[in-house]
Amino acid sequence: PGAHLIRQNGHGMDDIDPSEVIELAGGARMEVRPTSFADGERICALYETLSIVDRHRRLFGAFKPHLEWCQVWADVASRGGFGVIAIVHRDGQPDEVAGEAGYAIRDDGDGDLAVTVAPNWRGWRGAYLVDMLGRHAGAVGLANLQAEVLLENGPMLSLLRRRDPIALGHDSGIVRLTIGTVGPVPTWPPRERRPRVLVEV
């Protein structure tokens, strides 16, 4: 609501490095593009806007990540993953980071998903970023995105629940969920070697 896409680079699933510009209410524009090492400072600035509760939900601790941590996360593409950052531009005003999201490659071959949205930009932005990551993952042949989520993190659980997740495990107040990127049901991780049991109803 109150926003529409005004430019998209690439051609859907064939586009593995998408960037988009979305026109927002009041003349603002939100640019969504892949992250790079240089975005470390922007991501650190985003985390500065989070409450202790927000940081605990995102980082499983109340600490504020230092610049080197943010730079490594922003450079996730150099390790086979993918990240995006959403930057709001307003004429005559400093740019503002509205959110960021990304996935790293897990040992089992799936993507490990994380998303952060600034407090004053929450609503549809988190879902938008997750969908963008899902499209990219599907385009490069990554069938599933997993996320470890605190059971107290209602917003993230709700976001994933709308994408028909499967719970892979629970441990001490944490649930590990997986969502599919190329079909309605997630597949087995490509490097999963444990015995499998299929139950159909």
N, C-alpha and C. Protein backbone atom coordinates (compact mmCIF):
# COMPACT_ATOMS: atom_id res chain seq x y z
N PRO A 1 0.83 -1.21 0.00
CA PRO A 1 0.00 0.00 0.00
C PRO A 1 0.86 1.26 0.00
N GLY A 2 0.51 2.21 -0.85
CA GLY A 2 1.24 3.46 -0.88
C GLY A 2 2.58 3.37 -1.57
N ALA A 3 2.82 2.31 -2.34
CA ALA A 3 4.10 2.17 -3.03
C ALA A 3 3.89 1.40 -4.31
N HIS A 4 4.71 1.71 -5.32
CA HIS A 4 4.68 0.90 -6.54
C HIS A 4 6.05 0.89 -7.19
N LEU A 5 6.31 -0.20 -7.88
CA LEU A 5 7.60 -0.40 -8.54
C LEU A 5 7.69 0.52 -9.75
N ILE A 6 8.80 1.29 -9.82
CA ILE A 6 8.97 2.17 -10.97
C ILE A 6 10.14 1.73 -11.85
N ARG A 7 11.03 0.88 -11.32
CA ARG A 7 12.09 0.37 -12.18
C ARG A 7 12.58 -0.96 -11.66
N GLN A 8 12.78 -1.89 -12.55
CA GLN A 8 13.34 -3.18 -12.18
C GLN A 8 14.38 -3.56 -13.22
N ASN A 9 15.57 -3.92 -12.76
CA ASN A 9 16.63 -4.36 -13.65
C ASN A 9 16.59 -5.87 -13.76
N GLY A 10 16.81 -6.39 -14.94
CA GLY A 10 16.82 -7.83 -15.13
C GLY A 10 15.51 -8.33 -15.68
N HIS A 11 15.39 -9.64 -15.77
CA HIS A 11 14.23 -10.26 -16.38
C HIS A 11 13.77 -11.45 -15.55
N GLY A 12 13.22 -11.16 -14.38
CA GLY A 12 12.63 -12.20 -13.55
C GLY A 12 13.65 -13.23 -13.10
N MET A 13 13.31 -14.51 -13.28
CA MET A 13 14.13 -15.58 -12.75
C MET A 13 15.50 -15.65 -13.44
N ASP A 14 15.64 -15.06 -14.61
CA ASP A 14 16.94 -15.07 -15.27
C ASP A 14 17.88 -14.03 -14.68
N ASP A 15 17.36 -13.16 -13.85
CA ASP A 15 18.16 -12.07 -13.29
C ASP A 15 18.69 -12.51 -11.94
N ILE A 16 20.01 -12.73 -11.83
CA ILE A 16 20.56 -13.22 -10.57
C ILE A 16 21.12 -12.11 -9.70
N ASP A 17 21.17 -10.90 -10.16
CA ASP A 17 21.61 -9.77 -9.34
C ASP A 17 20.61 -8.63 -9.51
N PRO A 18 19.41 -8.76 -8.95
CA PRO A 18 18.36 -7.78 -9.21
C PRO A 18 18.57 -6.48 -8.44
N SER A 19 18.06 -5.42 -9.00
CA SER A 19 17.93 -4.15 -8.28
C SER A 19 16.62 -3.53 -8.70
N GLU A 20 15.96 -2.89 -7.76
CA GLU A 20 14.65 -2.30 -8.02
C GLU A 20 14.56 -0.95 -7.33
N VAL A 21 13.73 -0.07 -7.88
CA VAL A 21 13.43 1.21 -7.27
C VAL A 21 11.92 1.30 -7.11
N ILE A 22 11.47 1.58 -5.90
CA ILE A 22 10.05 1.62 -5.58
C ILE A 22 9.69 3.04 -5.15
N GLU A 23 8.66 3.57 -5.75
CA GLU A 23 8.19 4.91 -5.40
C GLU A 23 7.29 4.81 -4.17
N LEU A 24 7.60 5.60 -3.15
CA LEU A 24 6.84 5.60 -1.90
C LEU A 24 5.99 6.86 -1.80
N ALA A 25 5.10 6.86 -0.84
CA ALA A 25 4.27 8.04 -0.60
C ALA A 25 5.15 9.22 -0.20
N GLY A 26 4.74 10.42 -0.58
CA GLY A 26 5.46 11.63 -0.21
C GLY A 26 6.67 11.94 -1.06
N GLY A 27 6.82 11.25 -2.18
CA GLY A 27 7.92 11.54 -3.08
C GLY A 27 9.21 10.81 -2.78
N ALA A 28 9.24 9.95 -1.75
CA ALA A 28 10.44 9.19 -1.44
C ALA A 28 10.57 8.01 -2.40
N ARG A 29 11.78 7.51 -2.55
CA ARG A 29 12.06 6.36 -3.39
C ARG A 29 12.88 5.36 -2.60
N MET A 30 12.53 4.10 -2.69
CA MET A 30 13.29 3.05 -2.01
C MET A 30 14.05 2.24 -3.04
N GLU A 31 15.36 2.30 -2.99
CA GLU A 31 16.22 1.52 -3.87
C GLU A 31 16.58 0.22 -3.17
N VAL A 32 16.36 -0.90 -3.82
CA VAL A 32 16.73 -2.21 -3.28
C VAL A 32 17.76 -2.81 -4.24
N ARG A 33 18.94 -3.09 -3.72
CA ARG A 33 20.03 -3.58 -4.58
C ARG A 33 20.88 -4.57 -3.79
N PRO A 34 21.72 -5.35 -4.49
CA PRO A 34 22.61 -6.28 -3.79
C PRO A 34 23.60 -5.55 -2.89
N THR A 35 23.95 -6.19 -1.79
CA THR A 35 24.94 -5.63 -0.87
C THR A 35 26.36 -5.95 -1.33
N SER A 36 27.29 -5.17 -0.82
CA SER A 36 28.71 -5.42 -1.04
C SER A 36 29.45 -5.03 0.25
N PHE A 37 30.73 -5.32 0.30
CA PHE A 37 31.55 -5.00 1.46
C PHE A 37 31.39 -3.55 1.89
N ALA A 38 31.23 -2.65 0.92
CA ALA A 38 31.14 -1.21 1.20
C ALA A 38 29.88 -0.84 1.97
N ASP A 39 28.90 -1.74 2.03
CA ASP A 39 27.66 -1.44 2.75
C ASP A 39 27.75 -1.76 4.24
N GLY A 40 28.91 -2.18 4.71
CA GLY A 40 29.06 -2.51 6.12
C GLY A 40 28.65 -1.38 7.05
N GLU A 41 29.07 -0.16 6.74
CA GLU A 41 28.73 0.98 7.60
C GLU A 41 27.23 1.23 7.60
N ARG A 42 26.58 1.07 6.45
CA ARG A 42 25.14 1.29 6.38
C ARG A 42 24.40 0.24 7.23
N ILE A 43 24.86 -0.99 7.18
CA ILE A 43 24.20 -2.04 7.95
C ILE A 43 24.42 -1.81 9.45
N CYS A 44 25.61 -1.38 9.83
CA CYS A 44 25.85 -1.04 11.24
C CYS A 44 24.92 0.09 11.69
N ALA A 45 24.73 1.08 10.84
CA ALA A 45 23.84 2.20 11.17
C ALA A 45 22.41 1.70 11.34
N LEU A 46 22.00 0.73 10.51
CA LEU A 46 20.66 0.16 10.66
C LEU A 46 20.52 -0.52 12.01
N TYR A 47 21.51 -1.31 12.41
CA TYR A 47 21.42 -2.01 13.69
C TYR A 47 21.42 -1.05 14.88
N GLU A 48 21.99 0.14 14.68
CA GLU A 48 21.95 1.15 15.75
C GLU A 48 20.51 1.60 16.05
N THR A 49 19.62 1.47 15.06
CA THR A 49 18.23 1.90 15.27
C THR A 49 17.39 0.85 15.98
N LEU A 50 17.94 -0.35 16.18
CA LEU A 50 17.17 -1.44 16.76
C LEU A 50 17.17 -1.38 18.28
N SER A 51 16.07 -1.81 18.85
CA SER A 51 15.99 -1.92 20.31
C SER A 51 16.75 -3.17 20.76
N ILE A 52 16.92 -3.30 22.08
CA ILE A 52 17.58 -4.50 22.62
C ILE A 52 16.79 -5.74 22.23
N VAL A 53 15.47 -5.65 22.27
CA VAL A 53 14.63 -6.79 21.90
C VAL A 53 14.83 -7.15 20.43
N ASP A 54 14.87 -6.13 19.57
CA ASP A 54 15.09 -6.37 18.14
C ASP A 54 16.43 -7.06 17.90
N ARG A 55 17.49 -6.57 18.54
CA ARG A 55 18.81 -7.16 18.34
C ARG A 55 18.85 -8.59 18.87
N HIS A 56 18.18 -8.84 19.98
CA HIS A 56 18.13 -10.20 20.52
C HIS A 56 17.44 -11.14 19.54
N ARG A 57 16.36 -10.67 18.92
CA ARG A 57 15.65 -11.51 17.95
C ARG A 57 16.47 -11.76 16.70
N ARG A 58 17.21 -10.77 16.26
CA ARG A 58 17.99 -10.89 15.02
C ARG A 58 19.31 -11.61 15.25
N LEU A 59 20.00 -11.29 16.36
CA LEU A 59 21.36 -11.76 16.57
C LEU A 59 21.48 -12.77 17.70
N PHE A 60 20.36 -13.08 18.36
CA PHE A 60 20.33 -14.00 19.50
C PHE A 60 21.19 -13.47 20.64
N GLY A 61 21.25 -12.16 20.74
CA GLY A 61 21.99 -11.48 21.80
C GLY A 61 21.72 -9.99 21.70
N ALA A 62 22.01 -9.25 22.78
CA ALA A 62 21.71 -7.82 22.81
C ALA A 62 22.87 -6.96 22.32
N PHE A 63 23.96 -7.58 21.87
CA PHE A 63 25.13 -6.82 21.47
C PHE A 63 24.88 -6.04 20.18
N LYS A 64 25.66 -4.99 20.00
CA LYS A 64 25.64 -4.24 18.74
C LYS A 64 26.81 -4.71 17.90
N PRO A 65 26.56 -5.23 16.72
CA PRO A 65 27.67 -5.75 15.91
C PRO A 65 28.64 -4.65 15.51
N HIS A 66 29.93 -5.00 15.50
CA HIS A 66 30.95 -4.03 15.12
C HIS A 66 31.08 -3.97 13.60
N LEU A 67 31.85 -3.00 13.14
CA LEU A 67 31.94 -2.73 11.71
C LEU A 67 32.45 -3.94 10.94
N GLU A 68 33.45 -4.63 11.45
CA GLU A 68 34.00 -5.77 10.71
C GLU A 68 32.94 -6.85 10.51
N TRP A 69 32.12 -7.11 11.54
CA TRP A 69 31.04 -8.10 11.43
C TRP A 69 30.07 -7.67 10.33
N CYS A 70 29.70 -6.40 10.31
CA CYS A 70 28.74 -5.90 9.33
C CYS A 70 29.32 -5.97 7.91
N GLN A 71 30.61 -5.69 7.77
CA GLN A 71 31.24 -5.76 6.46
C GLN A 71 31.28 -7.20 5.94
N VAL A 72 31.58 -8.15 6.82
CA VAL A 72 31.60 -9.55 6.42
C VAL A 72 30.21 -10.00 5.99
N TRP A 73 29.18 -9.60 6.76
CA TRP A 73 27.82 -9.97 6.41
C TRP A 73 27.41 -9.31 5.08
N ALA A 74 27.77 -8.05 4.90
CA ALA A 74 27.41 -7.36 3.66
C ALA A 74 28.09 -8.00 2.45
N ASP A 75 29.21 -8.66 2.66
CA ASP A 75 29.98 -9.27 1.58
C ASP A 75 29.66 -10.75 1.42
N VAL A 76 28.46 -11.16 1.84
CA VAL A 76 28.08 -12.58 1.82
C VAL A 76 28.13 -13.16 0.41
N ALA A 77 27.96 -12.34 -0.62
CA ALA A 77 28.01 -12.84 -1.99
C ALA A 77 29.36 -13.44 -2.34
N SER A 78 30.43 -12.96 -1.70
CA SER A 78 31.76 -13.49 -2.00
C SER A 78 31.93 -14.91 -1.49
N ARG A 79 30.98 -15.37 -0.66
CA ARG A 79 31.03 -16.73 -0.11
C ARG A 79 29.89 -17.58 -0.67
N GLY A 80 29.31 -17.16 -1.78
CA GLY A 80 28.28 -17.94 -2.43
C GLY A 80 26.87 -17.59 -2.06
N GLY A 81 26.69 -16.69 -1.08
CA GLY A 81 25.35 -16.28 -0.67
C GLY A 81 24.87 -15.07 -1.44
N PHE A 82 23.92 -14.36 -0.85
CA PHE A 82 23.36 -13.20 -1.53
C PHE A 82 22.70 -12.30 -0.48
N GLY A 83 22.87 -11.00 -0.64
CA GLY A 83 22.26 -10.04 0.27
C GLY A 83 21.70 -8.85 -0.49
N VAL A 84 20.69 -8.21 0.09
CA VAL A 84 20.12 -6.99 -0.49
C VAL A 84 19.98 -5.95 0.61
N ILE A 85 20.02 -4.71 0.21
CA ILE A 85 19.83 -3.59 1.13
C ILE A 85 18.79 -2.65 0.53
N ALA A 86 17.92 -2.11 1.38
CA ALA A 86 16.88 -1.16 0.95
C ALA A 86 17.24 0.22 1.49
N ILE A 87 17.45 1.16 0.57
CA ILE A 87 17.85 2.52 0.94
C ILE A 87 16.78 3.49 0.46
N VAL A 88 16.30 4.33 1.37
CA VAL A 88 15.27 5.32 1.05
C VAL A 88 15.95 6.64 0.70
N HIS A 89 15.59 7.19 -0.45
CA HIS A 89 16.13 8.47 -0.91
C HIS A 89 15.01 9.51 -0.88
N ARG A 90 15.31 10.66 -0.30
CA ARG A 90 14.40 11.81 -0.33
C ARG A 90 15.19 13.02 -0.81
N ASP A 91 14.58 13.82 -1.65
CA ASP A 91 15.26 15.01 -2.16
C ASP A 91 15.63 15.93 -1.00
N GLY A 92 16.89 16.32 -0.95
CA GLY A 92 17.35 17.27 0.04
C GLY A 92 17.55 16.69 1.42
N GLN A 93 17.44 15.37 1.59
CA GLN A 93 17.61 14.74 2.91
C GLN A 93 18.61 13.60 2.80
N PRO A 94 19.26 13.26 3.93
CA PRO A 94 20.21 12.13 3.91
C PRO A 94 19.48 10.82 3.58
N ASP A 95 20.18 9.93 2.93
CA ASP A 95 19.62 8.62 2.66
C ASP A 95 19.38 7.87 3.98
N GLU A 96 18.43 6.96 3.97
CA GLU A 96 18.08 6.19 5.17
C GLU A 96 17.98 4.71 4.80
N VAL A 97 18.63 3.86 5.60
CA VAL A 97 18.55 2.42 5.37
C VAL A 97 17.26 1.90 5.99
N ALA A 98 16.39 1.35 5.15
CA ALA A 98 15.11 0.83 5.64
C ALA A 98 15.21 -0.63 6.05
N GLY A 99 16.14 -1.36 5.48
CA GLY A 99 16.26 -2.76 5.85
C GLY A 99 17.33 -3.46 5.04
N GLU A 100 17.63 -4.67 5.45
CA GLU A 100 18.57 -5.51 4.71
C GLU A 100 18.19 -6.96 4.96
N ALA A 101 18.57 -7.82 4.04
CA ALA A 101 18.29 -9.24 4.17
C ALA A 101 19.32 -10.00 3.35
N GLY A 102 19.52 -11.25 3.71
CA GLY A 102 20.47 -12.05 2.96
C GLY A 102 20.41 -13.51 3.35
N TYR A 103 21.11 -14.30 2.56
CA TYR A 103 21.28 -15.70 2.94
C TYR A 103 22.72 -16.12 2.70
N ALA A 104 23.25 -16.89 3.64
CA ALA A 104 24.55 -17.53 3.50
C ALA A 104 24.33 -18.99 3.16
N ILE A 105 25.33 -19.64 2.61
CA ILE A 105 25.22 -21.04 2.24
C ILE A 105 25.54 -21.91 3.46
N ARG A 106 24.62 -22.80 3.79
CA ARG A 106 24.79 -23.71 4.90
C ARG A 106 25.62 -24.93 4.49
N ASP A 107 26.11 -25.66 5.49
CA ASP A 107 26.87 -26.88 5.21
C ASP A 107 26.01 -27.93 4.51
N ASP A 108 24.69 -27.90 4.75
CA ASP A 108 23.82 -28.90 4.11
C ASP A 108 23.39 -28.50 2.70
N GLY A 109 23.86 -27.34 2.22
CA GLY A 109 23.57 -26.91 0.85
C GLY A 109 22.40 -25.97 0.69
N ASP A 110 21.62 -25.74 1.76
CA ASP A 110 20.53 -24.77 1.72
C ASP A 110 21.07 -23.37 2.03
N GLY A 111 20.20 -22.36 1.88
CA GLY A 111 20.55 -21.02 2.28
C GLY A 111 20.10 -20.75 3.70
N ASP A 112 20.86 -19.95 4.44
CA ASP A 112 20.54 -19.58 5.83
C ASP A 112 20.06 -18.13 5.81
N LEU A 113 18.78 -17.94 6.04
CA LEU A 113 18.10 -16.66 5.82
C LEU A 113 18.11 -15.77 7.05
N ALA A 114 18.30 -14.46 6.83
CA ALA A 114 18.16 -13.47 7.90
C ALA A 114 17.63 -12.17 7.28
N VAL A 115 16.80 -11.44 8.05
CA VAL A 115 16.23 -10.19 7.55
C VAL A 115 16.11 -9.21 8.70
N THR A 116 16.39 -7.94 8.42
CA THR A 116 16.29 -6.87 9.41
C THR A 116 15.63 -5.66 8.76
N VAL A 117 14.62 -5.11 9.43
CA VAL A 117 13.94 -3.92 8.93
C VAL A 117 13.95 -2.86 10.03
N ALA A 118 14.26 -1.62 9.67
CA ALA A 118 14.28 -0.53 10.63
C ALA A 118 12.89 -0.34 11.25
N PRO A 119 12.83 0.03 12.53
CA PRO A 119 11.54 0.14 13.22
C PRO A 119 10.50 0.99 12.51
N ASN A 120 10.91 2.10 11.92
CA ASN A 120 9.93 2.99 11.29
C ASN A 120 9.62 2.61 9.84
N TRP A 121 10.14 1.46 9.38
CA TRP A 121 9.85 1.01 8.03
C TRP A 121 9.22 -0.37 7.99
N ARG A 122 8.72 -0.82 9.10
CA ARG A 122 8.15 -2.17 9.14
C ARG A 122 6.76 -2.18 8.52
N GLY A 123 6.33 -3.37 8.15
CA GLY A 123 5.08 -3.54 7.44
C GLY A 123 5.32 -4.53 6.32
N TRP A 124 5.26 -4.07 5.07
CA TRP A 124 5.44 -4.96 3.93
C TRP A 124 6.90 -5.14 3.52
N ARG A 125 7.80 -4.32 4.08
CA ARG A 125 9.18 -4.36 3.59
C ARG A 125 9.89 -5.68 3.87
N GLY A 126 9.68 -6.25 5.07
CA GLY A 126 10.32 -7.52 5.39
C GLY A 126 9.91 -8.62 4.43
N ALA A 127 8.60 -8.73 4.18
CA ALA A 127 8.11 -9.75 3.25
C ALA A 127 8.66 -9.52 1.85
N TYR A 128 8.75 -8.26 1.46
CA TYR A 128 9.27 -7.92 0.13
C TYR A 128 10.71 -8.38 -0.02
N LEU A 129 11.54 -8.13 1.00
CA LEU A 129 12.94 -8.53 0.93
C LEU A 129 13.09 -10.04 0.92
N VAL A 130 12.30 -10.73 1.73
CA VAL A 130 12.37 -12.19 1.75
C VAL A 130 11.96 -12.77 0.40
N ASP A 131 10.92 -12.22 -0.21
CA ASP A 131 10.50 -12.69 -1.52
C ASP A 131 11.59 -12.46 -2.57
N MET A 132 12.28 -11.33 -2.46
CA MET A 132 13.37 -11.05 -3.40
C MET A 132 14.48 -12.08 -3.25
N LEU A 133 14.82 -12.43 -2.00
CA LEU A 133 15.83 -13.44 -1.77
C LEU A 133 15.38 -14.80 -2.31
N GLY A 134 14.10 -15.11 -2.11
CA GLY A 134 13.57 -16.37 -2.60
C GLY A 134 13.67 -16.48 -4.11
N ARG A 135 13.35 -15.39 -4.82
CA ARG A 135 13.45 -15.41 -6.28
C ARG A 135 14.89 -15.62 -6.73
N HIS A 136 15.80 -14.93 -6.06
CA HIS A 136 17.21 -15.07 -6.41
C HIS A 136 17.69 -16.49 -6.14
N ALA A 137 17.36 -17.03 -4.97
CA ALA A 137 17.80 -18.38 -4.63
C ALA A 137 17.27 -19.40 -5.64
N GLY A 138 16.00 -19.27 -6.01
CA GLY A 138 15.44 -20.18 -7.00
C GLY A 138 16.13 -20.07 -8.34
N ALA A 139 16.50 -18.84 -8.72
CA ALA A 139 17.14 -18.62 -10.01
C ALA A 139 18.52 -19.25 -10.08
N VAL A 140 19.22 -19.34 -8.95
CA VAL A 140 20.57 -19.91 -8.96
C VAL A 140 20.56 -21.38 -8.55
N GLY A 141 19.37 -21.97 -8.41
CA GLY A 141 19.28 -23.40 -8.12
C GLY A 141 19.30 -23.76 -6.65
N LEU A 142 19.07 -22.79 -5.77
CA LEU A 142 19.00 -23.06 -4.33
C LEU A 142 17.54 -23.26 -3.96
N ALA A 143 17.16 -24.50 -3.67
CA ALA A 143 15.75 -24.84 -3.55
C ALA A 143 15.11 -24.43 -2.24
N ASN A 144 15.90 -24.21 -1.19
CA ASN A 144 15.33 -23.94 0.13
C ASN A 144 16.10 -22.83 0.85
N LEU A 145 15.37 -22.09 1.66
CA LEU A 145 15.97 -21.14 2.58
C LEU A 145 15.54 -21.52 4.00
N GLN A 146 16.50 -21.66 4.89
CA GLN A 146 16.22 -22.01 6.27
C GLN A 146 16.43 -20.80 7.17
N ALA A 147 15.76 -20.81 8.31
CA ALA A 147 15.95 -19.74 9.29
C ALA A 147 15.76 -20.31 10.69
N GLU A 148 16.69 -19.99 11.58
CA GLU A 148 16.51 -20.30 12.99
C GLU A 148 15.84 -19.08 13.63
N VAL A 149 14.69 -19.31 14.27
CA VAL A 149 13.88 -18.21 14.77
C VAL A 149 13.53 -18.46 16.23
N LEU A 150 13.71 -17.44 17.05
CA LEU A 150 13.26 -17.53 18.44
C LEU A 150 11.74 -17.64 18.47
N LEU A 151 11.22 -18.50 19.33
CA LEU A 151 9.77 -18.66 19.42
C LEU A 151 9.08 -17.38 19.87
N GLU A 152 9.83 -16.47 20.50
CA GLU A 152 9.26 -15.19 20.91
C GLU A 152 9.21 -14.18 19.77
N ASN A 153 9.83 -14.51 18.63
CA ASN A 153 9.92 -13.58 17.50
C ASN A 153 8.68 -13.73 16.62
N GLY A 154 7.57 -13.21 17.10
CA GLY A 154 6.30 -13.33 16.40
C GLY A 154 6.32 -12.78 14.98
N PRO A 155 6.90 -11.59 14.74
CA PRO A 155 6.89 -11.05 13.38
C PRO A 155 7.59 -11.96 12.36
N MET A 156 8.74 -12.52 12.72
CA MET A 156 9.45 -13.39 11.79
C MET A 156 8.69 -14.70 11.59
N LEU A 157 8.14 -15.24 12.65
CA LEU A 157 7.36 -16.47 12.52
C LEU A 157 6.16 -16.25 11.61
N SER A 158 5.50 -15.10 11.76
CA SER A 158 4.34 -14.79 10.93
C SER A 158 4.75 -14.63 9.47
N LEU A 159 5.88 -13.97 9.24
CA LEU A 159 6.37 -13.76 7.88
C LEU A 159 6.62 -15.10 7.19
N LEU A 160 7.27 -16.02 7.88
CA LEU A 160 7.58 -17.32 7.29
C LEU A 160 6.35 -18.21 7.21
N ARG A 161 5.45 -18.08 8.16
CA ARG A 161 4.25 -18.93 8.18
C ARG A 161 3.42 -18.73 6.92
N ARG A 162 3.44 -17.52 6.36
CA ARG A 162 2.68 -17.25 5.14
C ARG A 162 3.33 -17.88 3.90
N ARG A 163 4.50 -18.50 4.08
CA ARG A 163 5.20 -19.14 2.97
C ARG A 163 5.25 -20.66 3.15
N ASP A 164 4.31 -21.20 3.91
CA ASP A 164 4.16 -22.65 4.10
C ASP A 164 5.47 -23.32 4.51
N PRO A 165 6.04 -22.94 5.66
CA PRO A 165 7.32 -23.52 6.06
C PRO A 165 7.15 -24.93 6.62
N ILE A 166 8.24 -25.63 6.70
CA ILE A 166 8.32 -26.91 7.40
C ILE A 166 9.30 -26.73 8.55
N ALA A 167 8.92 -27.22 9.73
CA ALA A 167 9.81 -27.15 10.90
C ALA A 167 10.79 -28.31 10.85
N LEU A 168 12.07 -28.00 10.89
CA LEU A 168 13.11 -29.02 10.85
C LEU A 168 13.61 -29.40 12.23
N GLY A 169 13.31 -28.58 13.23
CA GLY A 169 13.77 -28.91 14.58
C GLY A 169 13.46 -27.81 15.57
N HIS A 170 13.44 -28.19 16.86
CA HIS A 170 13.23 -27.25 17.95
C HIS A 170 14.33 -27.44 18.97
N ASP A 171 14.78 -26.35 19.61
CA ASP A 171 15.81 -26.47 20.63
C ASP A 171 15.82 -25.22 21.50
N SER A 172 15.46 -25.37 22.77
CA SER A 172 15.59 -24.29 23.76
C SER A 172 14.99 -22.97 23.29
N GLY A 173 13.75 -22.99 22.90
CA GLY A 173 13.06 -21.77 22.50
C GLY A 173 13.35 -21.31 21.10
N ILE A 174 13.97 -22.17 20.28
CA ILE A 174 14.30 -21.83 18.90
C ILE A 174 13.69 -22.88 17.98
N VAL A 175 13.14 -22.43 16.87
CA VAL A 175 12.64 -23.35 15.86
C VAL A 175 13.39 -23.09 14.56
N ARG A 176 13.75 -24.17 13.86
CA ARG A 176 14.40 -24.03 12.57
C ARG A 176 13.39 -24.36 11.49
N LEU A 177 13.10 -23.35 10.65
CA LEU A 177 12.10 -23.47 9.60
C LEU A 177 12.76 -23.44 8.24
N THR A 178 12.13 -24.10 7.26
CA THR A 178 12.61 -24.05 5.89
C THR A 178 11.46 -23.71 4.96
N ILE A 179 11.73 -22.88 3.96
CA ILE A 179 10.73 -22.53 2.96
C ILE A 179 11.30 -22.86 1.58
N GLY A 180 10.43 -23.26 0.67
CA GLY A 180 10.85 -23.58 -0.69
C GLY A 180 10.94 -22.34 -1.56
N THR A 181 11.84 -22.37 -2.53
CA THR A 181 12.01 -21.24 -3.44
C THR A 181 11.56 -21.56 -4.86
N VAL A 182 11.39 -22.83 -5.19
CA VAL A 182 11.03 -23.21 -6.56
C VAL A 182 9.73 -24.01 -6.62
N GLY A 183 9.09 -24.20 -5.49
CA GLY A 183 7.83 -24.94 -5.45
C GLY A 183 7.13 -24.69 -4.13
N PRO A 184 5.93 -25.17 -3.99
CA PRO A 184 5.15 -24.90 -2.78
C PRO A 184 5.66 -25.62 -1.53
N VAL A 185 6.47 -26.67 -1.71
CA VAL A 185 6.96 -27.47 -0.58
C VAL A 185 8.47 -27.51 -0.63
N PRO A 186 9.15 -27.26 0.49
CA PRO A 186 10.61 -27.37 0.49
C PRO A 186 11.06 -28.80 0.19
N THR A 187 12.27 -28.92 -0.31
CA THR A 187 12.86 -30.23 -0.57
C THR A 187 13.85 -30.57 0.52
N TRP A 188 14.39 -31.79 0.45
CA TRP A 188 15.48 -32.12 1.36
C TRP A 188 16.70 -31.29 1.00
N PRO A 189 17.48 -30.84 2.00
CA PRO A 189 18.73 -30.16 1.68
C PRO A 189 19.61 -31.06 0.82
N PRO A 190 20.29 -30.50 -0.17
CA PRO A 190 21.02 -31.34 -1.13
C PRO A 190 22.15 -32.16 -0.52
N ARG A 191 22.73 -31.70 0.61
CA ARG A 191 23.82 -32.45 1.22
C ARG A 191 23.39 -33.11 2.53
N GLU A 192 22.09 -33.29 2.71
CA GLU A 192 21.58 -33.98 3.89
C GLU A 192 21.78 -35.49 3.72
N ARG A 193 22.46 -36.12 4.66
CA ARG A 193 22.79 -37.55 4.53
C ARG A 193 22.12 -38.41 5.60
N ARG A 194 21.28 -37.83 6.45
CA ARG A 194 20.62 -38.65 7.47
C ARG A 194 19.51 -39.49 6.85
N PRO A 195 19.11 -40.58 7.52
CA PRO A 195 18.00 -41.39 7.00
C PRO A 195 16.72 -40.55 6.89
N ARG A 196 15.90 -40.85 5.89
CA ARG A 196 14.69 -40.10 5.63
C ARG A 196 13.47 -40.99 5.77
N VAL A 197 12.40 -40.42 6.27
CA VAL A 197 11.11 -41.10 6.37
C VAL A 197 10.05 -40.19 5.77
N LEU A 198 9.24 -40.68 4.88
CA LEU A 198 8.17 -39.91 4.28
C LEU A 198 6.83 -40.38 4.85
N VAL A 199 6.06 -39.46 5.37
CA VAL A 199 4.72 -39.75 5.88
C VAL A 199 3.73 -38.94 5.08
N GLU A 200 2.79 -39.58 4.42
CA GLU A 200 1.79 -38.90 3.60
C GLU A 200 0.41 -39.06 4.25
N VAL A 201 -0.37 -38.00 4.21
CA VAL A 201 -1.75 -38.02 4.71
C VAL A 201 -2.67 -37.66 3.57
